[in-house]
């Protein structure tokens, strides 16, 4: 498992690095394609998990509207527009469309549950994922360095938690949700995130406020990264599945790849927007 995960990581890392580097050049349309693929498979993973509980999701509608919403947000961030002027009307239209579609289908069995679950999937995958795009297109400081920091610190926490938990783990963290996770692994993951955050801030061209508070950023990203991982574990436990998919060797599905980042991206963004102004 660890070897497969390492090979997959070595394959995926250059793709993500290239996407971030060229995200502002002539190849930026490829970034839109890549992120749309991630969003699409992330939504399909979410639907796969929740469909096993009989939730009756609006699968096709949720996938199409999720991709349209992501594309709108991508161009909003790319051209520097305020996304709030798009997200509110888009959410209203998506919600109304769900109710109308359910009326046309005349399927009352678990209809409200299906609508609520579909909306949750769009918010969970599309909206939280959009914060990575939002960070990447920050002009000052250069968002590309910030997204590197976000991904490196978050995923380092995952790796440290796995390694330290495998060697020293004795006490279960939340066994009913994720039996394999331990308190020792959790602490190791957070400490790993803090160390990597400090080291990265020392070599990257980042603002002084970020360098001075690198330990705090590492702490928050380490904690919320594990919360994101646990939330997805909760969803999988509810759906009685081990992985959200089977197309990434050693990792599972796209949602297994993104689960921790979906929680850390908003934290990183709001620190940049508000934390740096306060400090």
Protein backbone atom coordinates (compact mmCIF):
# COMPACT_ATOMS: atom_id res chain seq x y z
CA UNK A 1 0.00 0.00 0.00
CA UNK A 2 2.75 2.45 0.97
CA UNK A 3 4.75 1.66 -2.20
CA UNK A 4 1.68 2.19 -4.41
CA UNK A 5 0.91 5.43 -2.61
CA UNK A 6 4.51 6.63 -3.10
CA UNK A 7 4.46 5.81 -6.82
CA UNK A 8 1.13 7.59 -7.28
CA UNK A 9 2.47 10.61 -5.40
CA UNK A 10 5.58 10.75 -7.58
CA UNK A 11 3.31 10.73 -10.63
CA UNK A 12 0.83 13.31 -9.37
CA UNK A 13 3.23 15.85 -7.82
CA UNK A 14 4.83 16.97 -11.13
CA UNK A 15 1.36 17.40 -12.63
CA UNK A 16 0.23 19.66 -9.78
CA UNK A 17 3.50 21.63 -9.79
CA UNK A 18 3.23 22.22 -13.55
CA UNK A 19 -0.41 23.23 -13.22
CA UNK A 20 0.41 25.84 -10.58
CA UNK A 21 3.42 27.23 -12.46
CA UNK A 22 1.56 27.62 -15.76
CA UNK A 23 -1.75 28.68 -14.23
CA UNK A 24 -1.19 32.31 -15.27
CA UNK A 25 0.26 31.74 -18.70
CA UNK A 26 -1.00 30.63 -22.08
CA UNK A 27 -1.60 27.11 -20.74
CA UNK A 28 -4.01 28.23 -18.03
CA UNK A 29 -6.90 26.60 -19.90
CA UNK A 30 -5.26 23.25 -19.11
CA UNK A 31 -5.56 24.11 -15.42
CA UNK A 32 -9.29 24.61 -15.92
CA UNK A 33 -9.51 21.18 -17.55
CA UNK A 34 -7.48 19.55 -14.78
CA UNK A 35 -9.48 21.16 -11.97
CA UNK A 36 -12.76 20.30 -13.69
CA UNK A 37 -11.64 16.67 -13.82
CA UNK A 38 -10.82 16.77 -10.11
CA UNK A 39 -14.18 18.33 -9.31
CA UNK A 40 -16.04 15.85 -11.52
CA UNK A 41 -14.40 12.78 -9.99
CA UNK A 42 -14.71 14.29 -6.52
CA UNK A 43 -18.45 14.70 -7.02
CA UNK A 44 -18.75 11.19 -8.44
CA UNK A 45 -16.88 9.85 -5.41
CA UNK A 46 -19.22 11.69 -3.06
CA UNK A 47 -22.24 10.38 -4.95
CA UNK A 48 -20.85 6.85 -4.92
CA UNK A 49 -20.47 6.95 -1.15
CA UNK A 50 -23.83 8.56 -0.37
CA UNK A 51 -25.81 6.57 -2.94
CA UNK A 52 -25.02 3.44 -0.96
CA UNK A 53 -27.19 4.84 1.83
CA UNK A 54 -30.17 5.14 -0.53
CA UNK A 55 -30.13 8.94 -0.64
CA UNK A 56 -31.54 9.21 -4.20
CA UNK A 57 -29.18 11.96 -5.35
CA UNK A 58 -29.80 13.94 -8.52
CA UNK A 59 -26.62 12.48 -10.00
CA UNK A 60 -26.53 13.98 -13.51
CA UNK A 61 -27.95 17.34 -12.45
CA UNK A 62 -25.56 17.61 -9.50
CA UNK A 63 -22.56 16.75 -11.66
CA UNK A 64 -23.42 19.22 -14.44
CA UNK A 65 -24.31 22.12 -12.15
CA UNK A 66 -21.23 21.45 -10.03
CA UNK A 67 -18.97 21.65 -13.08
CA UNK A 68 -20.70 24.80 -14.34
CA UNK A 69 -20.36 26.44 -10.92
CA UNK A 70 -16.68 25.52 -10.73
CA UNK A 71 -16.05 26.93 -14.21
CA UNK A 72 -17.78 30.20 -13.30
CA UNK A 73 -15.73 30.51 -10.11
CA UNK A 74 -12.51 29.66 -11.96
CA UNK A 75 -12.97 32.49 -14.46
CA UNK A 76 -14.04 34.85 -11.66
CA UNK A 77 -10.77 34.23 -9.79
CA UNK A 78 -8.72 34.20 -13.01
CA UNK A 79 -9.94 37.64 -14.09
CA UNK A 80 -10.02 39.07 -10.56
CA UNK A 81 -13.79 39.46 -10.15
CA UNK A 82 -15.62 39.24 -6.84
CA UNK A 83 -17.00 35.66 -6.70
CA UNK A 84 -19.82 36.58 -4.32
CA UNK A 85 -21.71 38.28 -7.14
CA UNK A 86 -21.82 34.92 -8.93
CA UNK A 87 -22.18 32.40 -6.12
CA UNK A 88 -25.44 33.72 -4.65
CA UNK A 89 -27.53 33.75 -7.86
CA UNK A 90 -25.90 30.50 -9.01
CA UNK A 91 -26.84 28.80 -5.73
CA UNK A 92 -30.44 30.04 -6.00
CA UNK A 93 -30.73 28.80 -9.60
CA UNK A 94 -29.24 25.41 -8.72
CA UNK A 95 -31.60 25.01 -5.76
CA UNK A 96 -34.70 26.00 -7.72
CA UNK A 97 -33.65 23.67 -10.53
CA UNK A 98 -33.42 20.76 -8.11
CA UNK A 99 -36.95 21.29 -6.85
CA UNK A 100 -38.34 21.66 -10.37
CA UNK A 101 -36.54 18.53 -11.55
CA UNK A 102 -37.89 16.58 -8.61
CA UNK A 103 -41.42 17.76 -9.48
CA UNK A 104 -40.99 16.66 -13.08
CA UNK A 105 -39.73 13.26 -12.00
CA UNK A 106 -42.71 12.91 -9.65
CA UNK A 107 -40.48 10.87 -7.35
CA UNK A 108 -41.41 11.63 -3.76
CA UNK A 109 -39.42 8.79 -2.21
CA UNK A 110 -36.60 10.42 -0.21
CA UNK A 111 -36.86 13.47 -2.50
CA UNK A 112 -35.94 16.06 0.15
CA UNK A 113 -33.12 13.88 1.43
CA UNK A 114 -31.78 13.53 -2.10
CA UNK A 115 -31.94 17.28 -2.75
CA UNK A 116 -30.18 18.10 0.52
CA UNK A 117 -27.48 15.50 -0.10
CA UNK A 118 -26.88 16.78 -3.64
CA UNK A 119 -26.51 20.36 -2.37
CA UNK A 120 -24.15 19.14 0.35
CA UNK A 121 -22.02 17.41 -2.28
CA UNK A 122 -21.76 20.56 -4.39
CA UNK A 123 -20.85 22.70 -1.38
CA UNK A 124 -18.42 20.12 -0.01
CA UNK A 125 -16.58 19.39 -3.24
CA UNK A 126 -17.04 22.44 -5.50
CA UNK A 127 -17.20 25.33 -3.05
CA UNK A 128 -14.44 24.13 -0.72
CA UNK A 129 -12.25 23.13 -3.68
CA UNK A 130 -12.70 26.59 -5.18
CA UNK A 131 -10.65 28.06 -2.32
CA UNK A 132 -7.56 26.44 -3.82
CA UNK A 133 -8.25 28.27 -7.09
CA UNK A 134 -8.96 31.41 -5.11
CA UNK A 135 -5.59 31.20 -3.32
CA UNK A 136 -3.69 30.41 -6.49
CA UNK A 137 -4.90 33.59 -8.21
CA UNK A 138 -4.13 35.97 -5.36
CA UNK A 139 -1.97 38.67 -6.92
CA UNK A 140 -0.11 39.96 -3.87
CA UNK A 141 1.55 37.98 -2.41
CA UNK A 142 1.95 35.57 -5.32
CA UNK A 143 -0.73 32.96 -4.74
CA UNK A 144 1.27 30.25 -6.45
CA UNK A 145 3.74 30.18 -3.54
CA UNK A 146 0.82 30.12 -1.14
CA UNK A 147 -0.78 27.14 -2.89
CA UNK A 148 2.57 25.33 -2.81
CA UNK A 149 2.72 25.97 0.91
CA UNK A 150 -0.86 24.83 1.42
CA UNK A 151 -0.42 21.55 -0.44
CA UNK A 152 3.02 20.79 0.98
CA UNK A 153 2.12 21.46 4.60
CA UNK A 154 -1.24 19.68 4.41
CA UNK A 155 0.06 16.56 2.67
CA UNK A 156 3.16 16.46 4.86
CA UNK A 157 0.82 16.27 7.83
CA UNK A 158 -0.94 13.30 6.21
CA UNK A 159 2.36 11.53 5.61
CA UNK A 160 3.78 12.17 9.09
CA UNK A 161 0.52 11.04 10.69
CA UNK A 162 0.61 7.81 8.68
CA UNK A 163 4.28 7.04 9.36
CA UNK A 164 4.34 7.93 13.05
CA UNK A 165 0.98 6.27 13.64
CA UNK A 166 2.22 3.08 11.96
CA UNK A 167 5.34 2.92 14.14
CA UNK A 168 4.33 4.43 17.47
CA UNK A 169 0.52 4.38 17.38
CA UNK A 170 -1.00 2.72 20.43
CA UNK A 171 -4.08 4.75 21.37
CA UNK A 172 -7.01 5.02 18.95
CA UNK A 173 -8.14 8.53 18.03
CA UNK A 174 -11.78 7.99 17.00
CA UNK A 175 -12.15 4.23 16.43
CA UNK A 176 -15.83 4.34 15.45
CA UNK A 177 -15.01 6.61 12.50
CA UNK A 178 -11.44 5.67 11.57
CA UNK A 179 -10.06 2.61 13.39
CA UNK A 180 -6.56 3.00 11.92
CA UNK A 181 -5.90 6.54 13.17
CA UNK A 182 -4.13 7.00 16.50
CA UNK A 183 -3.50 9.85 18.90
CA UNK A 184 0.25 9.43 18.43
CA UNK A 185 -0.15 9.65 14.66
CA UNK A 186 -2.35 12.72 14.98
CA UNK A 187 0.19 14.54 17.14
CA UNK A 188 2.99 13.51 14.79
CA UNK A 189 1.05 14.79 11.81
CA UNK A 190 0.46 18.19 13.40
CA UNK A 191 4.11 18.52 14.45
CA UNK A 192 5.15 17.50 10.94
CA UNK A 193 2.94 20.19 9.42
CA UNK A 194 4.44 22.81 11.74
CA UNK A 195 8.01 21.82 10.89
CA UNK A 196 7.39 21.75 7.13
CA UNK A 197 5.58 25.09 7.30
CA UNK A 198 8.53 26.71 9.09
CA UNK A 199 11.09 25.20 6.70
CA UNK A 200 9.12 26.22 3.61
CA UNK A 201 8.70 29.78 4.85
CA UNK A 202 12.47 30.05 5.25
CA UNK A 203 13.20 29.32 1.59
CA UNK A 204 10.13 30.65 -0.26
CA UNK A 205 9.59 34.33 -1.18
CA UNK A 206 6.75 34.92 1.26
CA UNK A 207 5.66 38.06 3.16
CA UNK A 208 7.19 38.67 6.57
CA UNK A 209 3.86 38.13 8.33
CA UNK A 210 3.65 34.59 6.95
CA UNK A 211 7.26 33.80 7.83
CA UNK A 212 6.79 35.01 11.40
CA UNK A 213 3.58 33.02 11.84
CA UNK A 214 4.61 29.93 9.87
CA UNK A 215 4.32 27.77 12.99
CA UNK A 216 0.76 28.95 13.54
CA UNK A 217 -0.17 28.30 9.90
CA UNK A 218 1.34 24.83 10.20
CA UNK A 219 -0.65 24.20 13.38
CA UNK A 220 -3.97 25.24 11.81
CA UNK A 221 -3.35 23.36 8.57
CA UNK A 222 -2.27 20.28 10.50
CA UNK A 223 -5.38 20.28 12.68
CA UNK A 224 -7.90 21.08 9.95
CA UNK A 225 -6.24 18.69 7.52
CA UNK A 226 -6.90 15.86 9.94
CA UNK A 227 -10.46 17.07 10.48
CA UNK A 228 -11.01 16.93 6.73
CA UNK A 229 -9.63 13.41 6.64
CA UNK A 230 -11.88 12.34 9.51
CA UNK A 231 -14.97 13.87 7.89
CA UNK A 232 -14.39 11.85 4.73
CA UNK A 233 -13.77 8.75 6.87
CA UNK A 234 -17.14 9.42 8.51
CA UNK A 235 -18.82 9.58 5.09
CA UNK A 236 -17.14 6.37 3.97
CA UNK A 237 -18.04 4.62 7.21
CA UNK A 238 -21.66 5.66 6.71
CA UNK A 239 -21.56 4.33 3.13
CA UNK A 240 -19.72 1.16 4.21
CA UNK A 241 -16.84 1.65 1.76
CA UNK A 242 -13.08 1.60 2.34
CA UNK A 243 -12.14 4.10 -0.39
CA UNK A 244 -14.13 6.68 -2.33
CA UNK A 245 -12.84 5.15 -5.58
CA UNK A 246 -10.29 2.75 -7.03
CA UNK A 247 -8.57 4.71 -9.81
CA UNK A 248 -5.55 6.09 -7.88
CA UNK A 249 -3.33 3.17 -6.76
CA UNK A 250 -2.62 3.25 -3.05
CA UNK A 251 -4.88 6.26 -2.49
CA UNK A 252 -8.34 5.31 -3.71
CA UNK A 253 -10.42 8.02 -5.31
CA UNK A 254 -10.05 11.75 -5.89
CA UNK A 255 -11.96 12.51 -2.72
CA UNK A 256 -9.41 10.45 -0.78
CA UNK A 257 -6.74 12.66 -2.35
CA UNK A 258 -8.48 15.96 -1.64
CA UNK A 259 -10.22 15.34 1.68
CA UNK A 260 -7.68 17.12 3.90
CA UNK A 261 -7.05 19.99 1.44
CA UNK A 262 -10.78 20.74 1.18
CA UNK A 263 -10.67 21.79 4.84
CA UNK A 264 -7.28 23.51 4.91
CA UNK A 265 -7.77 25.66 1.77
CA UNK A 266 -10.47 27.91 3.34
CA UNK A 267 -8.38 28.25 6.53
CA UNK A 268 -5.34 29.31 4.51
CA UNK A 269 -7.36 31.76 2.42
CA UNK A 270 -9.00 33.50 5.37
CA UNK A 271 -5.68 33.77 7.17
CA UNK A 272 -4.25 35.55 4.12
CA UNK A 273 -7.29 37.85 3.92
CA UNK A 274 -7.73 38.67 7.61
CA UNK A 275 -4.84 37.28 9.65
CA UNK A 276 -2.19 39.20 7.74
CA UNK A 277 -4.11 42.46 8.20
CA UNK A 278 -4.31 41.98 11.94
CA UNK A 279 -0.68 40.97 12.45
